[in-house]
PDB file of all heavy atoms in Angstrom:
ATOM      1  N   VAL A   1     105.549  74.400  97.123  1.00  0.00           N
ATOM      2  CA  VAL A   1     104.686  75.251  96.313  1.00  0.00           C
ATOM      3  C   VAL A   1     104.081  76.303  97.242  1.00  0.00           C
ATOM      4  O   VAL A   1     103.528  75.965  98.283  1.00  0.00           O
ATOM      5  CB  VAL A   1     103.577  74.416  95.641  1.00  0.00           C
ATOM      6  CG1 VAL A   1     102.644  75.315  94.860  1.00  0.00           C
ATOM      7  CG2 VAL A   1     104.190  73.364  94.758  1.00  0.00           C
ATOM      8  N   PRO A   2     104.186  77.582  96.898  1.00  0.00           N
ATOM      9  CA  PRO A   2     103.673  78.612  97.807  1.00  0.00           C
ATOM     10  C   PRO A   2     102.155  78.582  97.873  1.00  0.00           C
ATOM     11  O   PRO A   2     101.481  78.128  96.963  1.00  0.00           O
ATOM     12  CB  PRO A   2     104.168  79.918  97.183  1.00  0.00           C
ATOM     13  CG  PRO A   2     104.357  79.594  95.753  1.00  0.00           C
ATOM     14  CD  PRO A   2     104.761  78.144  95.694  1.00  0.00           C
ATOM     15  N   ASP A   3     101.664  79.066  98.989  1.00  0.00           N
ATOM     16  CA  ASP A   3     100.216  79.178  99.198  1.00  0.00           C
ATOM     17  C   ASP A   3      99.669  80.223  98.231  1.00  0.00           C
ATOM     18  O   ASP A   3     100.319  81.225  97.947  1.00  0.00           O
ATOM     19  CB  ASP A   3      99.958  79.593 100.652  1.00  0.00           C
ATOM     20  CG  ASP A   3      98.490  79.569 101.001  1.00  0.00           C
ATOM     21  OD1 ASP A   3      97.693  79.018 100.218  1.00  0.00           O
ATOM     22  OD2 ASP A   3      98.142  80.099 102.069  1.00  0.00           O
ATOM     23  N   VAL A   4      98.434  80.007  97.735  1.00  0.00           N
ATOM     24  CA  VAL A   4      97.878  80.942  96.770  1.00  0.00           C
ATOM     25  C   VAL A   4      97.601  82.301  97.399  1.00  0.00           C
ATOM     26  O   VAL A   4      97.508  83.298  96.709  1.00  0.00           O
ATOM     27  CB  VAL A   4      96.591  80.380  96.129  1.00  0.00           C
ATOM     28  CG1 VAL A   4      96.912  79.255  95.198  1.00  0.00           C
ATOM     29  CG2 VAL A   4      95.592  79.982  97.175  1.00  0.00           C
ATOM     30  N   CYS A   5      97.450  82.346  98.703  1.00  0.00           N
ATOM     31  CA  CYS A   5      97.211  83.628  99.375  1.00  0.00           C
ATOM     32  C   CYS A   5      98.501  84.376  99.644  1.00  0.00           C
ATOM     33  O   CYS A   5      98.470  85.537 100.014  1.00  0.00           O
ATOM     34  CB  CYS A   5      96.468  83.397 100.693  1.00  0.00           C
ATOM     35  SG  CYS A   5      94.823  82.719 100.436  1.00  0.00           S
ATOM     36  N   ASP A   6      99.632  83.691  99.489  1.00  0.00           N
ATOM     37  CA  ASP A   6     100.918  84.319  99.744  1.00  0.00           C
ATOM     38  C   ASP A   6     101.186  85.340  98.645  1.00  0.00           C
ATOM     39  O   ASP A   6     100.925  85.080  97.468  1.00  0.00           O
ATOM     40  CB  ASP A   6     102.002  83.240  99.748  1.00  0.00           C
ATOM     41  CG  ASP A   6     103.290  83.732 100.354  1.00  0.00           C
ATOM     42  OD1 ASP A   6     103.261  84.771 101.022  1.00  0.00           O
ATOM     43  OD2 ASP A   6     104.322  83.070 100.156  1.00  0.00           O
ATOM     44  N   PRO A   7     101.715  86.521  98.980  1.00  0.00           N
ATOM     45  CA  PRO A   7     101.955  87.527  97.941  1.00  0.00           C
ATOM     46  C   PRO A   7     103.188  87.207  97.109  1.00  0.00           C
ATOM     47  O   PRO A   7     104.071  88.024  96.926  1.00  0.00           O
ATOM     48  CB  PRO A   7     102.098  88.821  98.727  1.00  0.00           C
ATOM     49  CG  PRO A   7     102.593  88.409 100.048  1.00  0.00           C
ATOM     50  CD  PRO A   7     101.975  87.063 100.304  1.00  0.00           C
ATOM     51  N   VAL A   8     103.268  86.018  96.666  1.00  0.00           N
ATOM     52  CA  VAL A   8     104.378  85.588  95.803  1.00  0.00           C
ATOM     53  C   VAL A   8     103.759  85.058  94.521  1.00  0.00           C
ATOM     54  O   VAL A   8     102.789  84.316  94.558  1.00  0.00           O
ATOM     55  CB  VAL A   8     105.209  84.495  96.503  1.00  0.00           C
ATOM     56  CG1 VAL A   8     106.299  83.979  95.589  1.00  0.00           C
ATOM     57  CG2 VAL A   8     105.786  85.014  97.796  1.00  0.00           C
ATOM     58  N   VAL A   9     104.254  85.462  93.436  1.00  0.00           N
ATOM     59  CA  VAL A   9     103.707  85.005  92.160  1.00  0.00           C
ATOM     60  C   VAL A   9     104.758  84.254  91.378  1.00  0.00           C
ATOM     61  O   VAL A   9     105.973  84.464  91.542  1.00  0.00           O
ATOM     62  CB  VAL A   9     103.184  86.203  91.322  1.00  0.00           C
ATOM     63  CG1 VAL A   9     102.008  86.856  91.977  1.00  0.00           C
ATOM     64  CG2 VAL A   9     104.286  87.176  91.037  1.00  0.00           C
ATOM     65  N   TRP A  10     104.275  83.363  90.496  1.00  0.00           N
ATOM     66  CA  TRP A  10     105.163  82.645  89.596  1.00  0.00           C
ATOM     67  C   TRP A  10     105.395  83.500  88.355  1.00  0.00           C
ATOM     68  O   TRP A  10     104.477  84.075  87.822  1.00  0.00           O
ATOM     69  CB  TRP A  10     104.516  81.320  89.181  1.00  0.00           C
ATOM     70  CG  TRP A  10     104.420  80.334  90.301  1.00  0.00           C
ATOM     71  CD1 TRP A  10     103.394  80.153  91.137  1.00  0.00           C
ATOM     72  CD2 TRP A  10     105.426  79.436  90.702  1.00  0.00           C
ATOM     73  NE1 TRP A  10     103.664  79.185  92.039  1.00  0.00           N
ATOM     74  CE2 TRP A  10     104.929  78.719  91.786  1.00  0.00           C
ATOM     75  CE3 TRP A  10     106.723  79.154  90.247  1.00  0.00           C
ATOM     76  CZ2 TRP A  10     105.645  77.744  92.438  1.00  0.00           C
ATOM     77  CZ3 TRP A  10     107.430  78.170  90.893  1.00  0.00           C
ATOM     78  CH2 TRP A  10     106.903  77.472  91.976  1.00  0.00           C
ATOM     79  N   ARG A  11     106.645  83.582  88.002  1.00  0.00           N
ATOM     80  CA  ARG A  11     106.963  84.331  86.794  1.00  0.00           C
ATOM     81  C   ARG A  11     107.890  83.492  85.937  1.00  0.00           C
ATOM     82  O   ARG A  11     108.837  82.897  86.451  1.00  0.00           O
ATOM     83  CB  ARG A  11     107.643  85.638  87.163  1.00  0.00           C
ATOM     84  CG  ARG A  11     107.923  86.513  85.974  1.00  0.00           C
ATOM     85  CD  ARG A  11     108.561  87.800  86.412  1.00  0.00           C
ATOM     86  NE  ARG A  11     109.876  87.546  86.980  1.00  0.00           N
ATOM     87  CZ  ARG A  11     111.002  87.821  86.350  1.00  0.00           C
ATOM     88  NH1 ARG A  11     110.988  88.349  85.154  1.00  0.00           N
ATOM     89  NH2 ARG A  11     112.150  87.568  86.914  1.00  0.00           N
ATOM     90  N   GLN A  12     107.574  83.434  84.698  1.00  0.00           N
ATOM     91  CA  GLN A  12     108.452  82.691  83.777  1.00  0.00           C
ATOM     92  C   GLN A  12     109.384  83.671  83.097  1.00  0.00           C
ATOM     93  O   GLN A  12     108.947  84.666  82.539  1.00  0.00           O
ATOM     94  CB  GLN A  12     107.635  81.953  82.728  1.00  0.00           C
ATOM     95  CG  GLN A  12     106.857  80.817  83.303  1.00  0.00           C
ATOM     96  CD  GLN A  12     106.234  79.984  82.197  1.00  0.00           C
ATOM     97  OE1 GLN A  12     106.146  80.416  81.069  1.00  0.00           O
ATOM     98  NE2 GLN A  12     105.852  78.789  82.553  1.00  0.00           N
ATOM     99  N   ALA A  13     110.604  83.359  83.205  1.00  0.00           N
ATOM    100  CA  ALA A  13     111.606  84.182  82.533  1.00  0.00           C
ATOM    101  C   ALA A  13     111.664  83.771  81.064  1.00  0.00           C
ATOM    102  O   ALA A  13     111.227  82.695  80.677  1.00  0.00           O
ATOM    103  CB  ALA A  13     112.968  83.998  83.195  1.00  0.00           C
ATOM    104  N   LEU A  14     112.198  84.614  80.275  1.00  0.00           N
ATOM    105  CA  LEU A  14     112.290  84.318  78.855  1.00  0.00           C
ATOM    106  C   LEU A  14     113.163  83.101  78.572  1.00  0.00           C
ATOM    107  O   LEU A  14     112.995  82.428  77.573  1.00  0.00           O
ATOM    108  CB  LEU A  14     112.817  85.531  78.096  1.00  0.00           C
ATOM    109  CG  LEU A  14     111.864  86.714  78.033  1.00  0.00           C
ATOM    110  CD1 LEU A  14     112.526  87.887  77.341  1.00  0.00           C
ATOM    111  CD2 LEU A  14     110.598  86.319  77.306  1.00  0.00           C
ATOM    112  N   ASP A  15     114.073  82.798  79.466  1.00  0.00           N
ATOM    113  CA  ASP A  15     114.951  81.651  79.221  1.00  0.00           C
ATOM    114  C   ASP A  15     114.328  80.332  79.675  1.00  0.00           C
ATOM    115  O   ASP A  15     114.958  79.289  79.605  1.00  0.00           O
ATOM    116  CB  ASP A  15     116.307  81.847  79.897  1.00  0.00           C
ATOM    117  CG  ASP A  15     116.191  81.994  81.396  1.00  0.00           C
ATOM    118  OD1 ASP A  15     115.051  81.963  81.902  1.00  0.00           O
ATOM    119  OD2 ASP A  15     117.229  82.131  82.065  1.00  0.00           O
ATOM    120  N   GLY A  16     113.055  80.368  80.161  1.00  0.00           N
ATOM    121  CA  GLY A  16     112.362  79.148  80.516  1.00  0.00           C
ATOM    122  C   GLY A  16     112.496  78.736  81.964  1.00  0.00           C
ATOM    123  O   GLY A  16     111.948  77.740  82.395  1.00  0.00           O
ATOM    124  N   ARG A  17     113.246  79.486  82.769  1.00  0.00           N
ATOM    125  CA  ARG A  17     113.375  79.142  84.180  1.00  0.00           C
ATOM    126  C   ARG A  17     112.184  79.725  84.942  1.00  0.00           C
ATOM    127  O   ARG A  17     111.639  80.752  84.577  1.00  0.00           O
ATOM    128  CB  ARG A  17     114.667  79.724  84.765  1.00  0.00           C
ATOM    129  CG  ARG A  17     115.915  79.031  84.258  1.00  0.00           C
ATOM    130  CD  ARG A  17     117.157  79.635  84.874  1.00  0.00           C
ATOM    131  NE  ARG A  17     117.293  81.044  84.503  1.00  0.00           N
ATOM    132  CZ  ARG A  17     117.524  82.030  85.389  1.00  0.00           C
ATOM    133  NH1 ARG A  17     117.658  81.769  86.655  1.00  0.00           N
ATOM    134  NH2 ARG A  17     117.641  83.263  84.989  1.00  0.00           N
ATOM    135  N   THR A  18     111.795  79.056  85.999  1.00  0.00           N
ATOM    136  CA  THR A  18     110.732  79.553  86.869  1.00  0.00           C
ATOM    137  C   THR A  18     111.362  79.977  88.180  1.00  0.00           C
ATOM    138  O   THR A  18     112.137  79.253  88.770  1.00  0.00           O
ATOM    139  CB  THR A  18     109.698  78.450  87.155  1.00  0.00           C
ATOM    140  OG1 THR A  18     109.223  77.989  85.905  1.00  0.00           O
ATOM    141  CG2 THR A  18     108.557  78.983  87.958  1.00  0.00           C
ATOM    142  N   GLU A  19     111.019  81.146  88.605  1.00  0.00           N
ATOM    143  CA  GLU A  19     111.553  81.628  89.880  1.00  0.00           C
ATOM    144  C   GLU A  19     110.443  82.316  90.657  1.00  0.00           C
ATOM    145  O   GLU A  19     109.415  82.723  90.100  1.00  0.00           O
ATOM    146  CB  GLU A  19     112.720  82.588  89.642  1.00  0.00           C
ATOM    147  CG  GLU A  19     112.327  83.791  88.820  1.00  0.00           C
ATOM    148  CD  GLU A  19     113.507  84.673  88.483  1.00  0.00           C
ATOM    149  OE1 GLU A  19     114.466  84.187  87.861  1.00  0.00           O
ATOM    150  OE2 GLU A  19     113.449  85.854  88.861  1.00  0.00           O
ATOM    151  N   LEU A  20     110.615  82.408  91.949  1.00  0.00           N
ATOM    152  CA  LEU A  20     109.655  83.088  92.816  1.00  0.00           C
ATOM    153  C   LEU A  20     110.059  84.541  92.942  1.00  0.00           C
ATOM    154  O   LEU A  20     111.218  84.853  93.167  1.00  0.00           O
ATOM    155  CB  LEU A  20     109.612  82.431  94.199  1.00  0.00           C
ATOM    156  CG  LEU A  20     109.108  81.001  94.224  1.00  0.00           C
ATOM    157  CD1 LEU A  20     109.248  80.430  95.624  1.00  0.00           C
ATOM    158  CD2 LEU A  20     107.670  80.972  93.798  1.00  0.00           C
ATOM    159  N   GLU A  21     109.086  85.401  92.801  1.00  0.00           N
ATOM    160  CA  GLU A  21     109.371  86.811  92.922  1.00  0.00           C
ATOM    161  C   GLU A  21     108.295  87.457  93.792  1.00  0.00           C
ATOM    162  O   GLU A  21     107.108  87.386  93.457  1.00  0.00           O
ATOM    163  CB  GLU A  21     109.359  87.466  91.542  1.00  0.00           C
ATOM    164  CG  GLU A  21     109.640  88.946  91.586  1.00  0.00           C
ATOM    165  CD  GLU A  21     109.609  89.531  90.187  1.00  0.00           C
ATOM    166  OE1 GLU A  21     110.528  89.254  89.408  1.00  0.00           O
ATOM    167  OE2 GLU A  21     108.648  90.262  89.897  1.00  0.00           O
ATOM    168  N   PRO A  22     108.649  88.053  94.902  1.00  0.00           N
ATOM    169  CA  PRO A  22     107.627  88.701  95.731  1.00  0.00           C
ATOM    170  C   PRO A  22     107.071  89.931  95.025  1.00  0.00           C
ATOM    171  O   PRO A  22     107.799  90.650  94.353  1.00  0.00           O
ATOM    172  CB  PRO A  22     108.365  89.068  97.014  1.00  0.00           C
ATOM    173  CG  PRO A  22     109.811  89.041  96.652  1.00  0.00           C
ATOM    174  CD  PRO A  22     109.967  88.147  95.463  1.00  0.00           C
ATOM    175  N   THR A  23     105.787  90.108  95.136  1.00  0.00           N
ATOM    176  CA  THR A  23     105.161  91.285  94.544  1.00  0.00           C
ATOM    177  C   THR A  23     105.159  92.411  95.564  1.00  0.00           C
ATOM    178  O   THR A  23     105.573  92.245  96.708  1.00  0.00           O
ATOM    179  CB  THR A  23     103.703  90.977  94.155  1.00  0.00           C
ATOM    180  OG1 THR A  23     102.995  90.613  95.323  1.00  0.00           O
ATOM    181  CG2 THR A  23     103.636  89.870  93.140  1.00  0.00           C
ATOM    182  N   ALA A  24     104.674  93.543  95.120  1.00  0.00           N
ATOM    183  CA  ALA A  24     104.526  94.661  96.047  1.00  0.00           C
ATOM    184  C   ALA A  24     103.530  94.268  97.126  1.00  0.00           C
ATOM    185  O   ALA A  24     102.671  93.421  96.920  1.00  0.00           O
ATOM    186  CB  ALA A  24     104.051  95.894  95.291  1.00  0.00           C
ATOM    187  N   HIS A  25     103.643  94.894  98.275  1.00  0.00           N
ATOM    188  CA  HIS A  25     102.769  94.566  99.415  1.00  0.00           C
ATOM    189  C   HIS A  25     101.302  94.759  99.036  1.00  0.00           C
ATOM    190  O   HIS A  25     100.905  95.825  98.580  1.00  0.00           O
ATOM    191  CB  HIS A  25     103.118  95.451 100.615  1.00  0.00           C
ATOM    192  CG  HIS A  25     102.184  95.270 101.775  1.00  0.00           C
ATOM    193  ND1 HIS A  25     102.170  94.128 102.529  1.00  0.00           N
ATOM    194  CD2 HIS A  25     101.232  96.074 102.285  1.00  0.00           C
ATOM    195  CE1 HIS A  25     101.250  94.230 103.462  1.00  0.00           C
ATOM    196  NE2 HIS A  25     100.669  95.422 103.339  1.00  0.00           N
TER     197      HIS A  25
END
C-alpha cells in the first residue's frame, strides 16, 4: 500500500479494477 505522502493516488476504473496512477508533480 503506498504511503499517503507519496504522489500516487488510487483510481477506480469503470470496470472495477484498481490501479496506481502517478499524479502530476
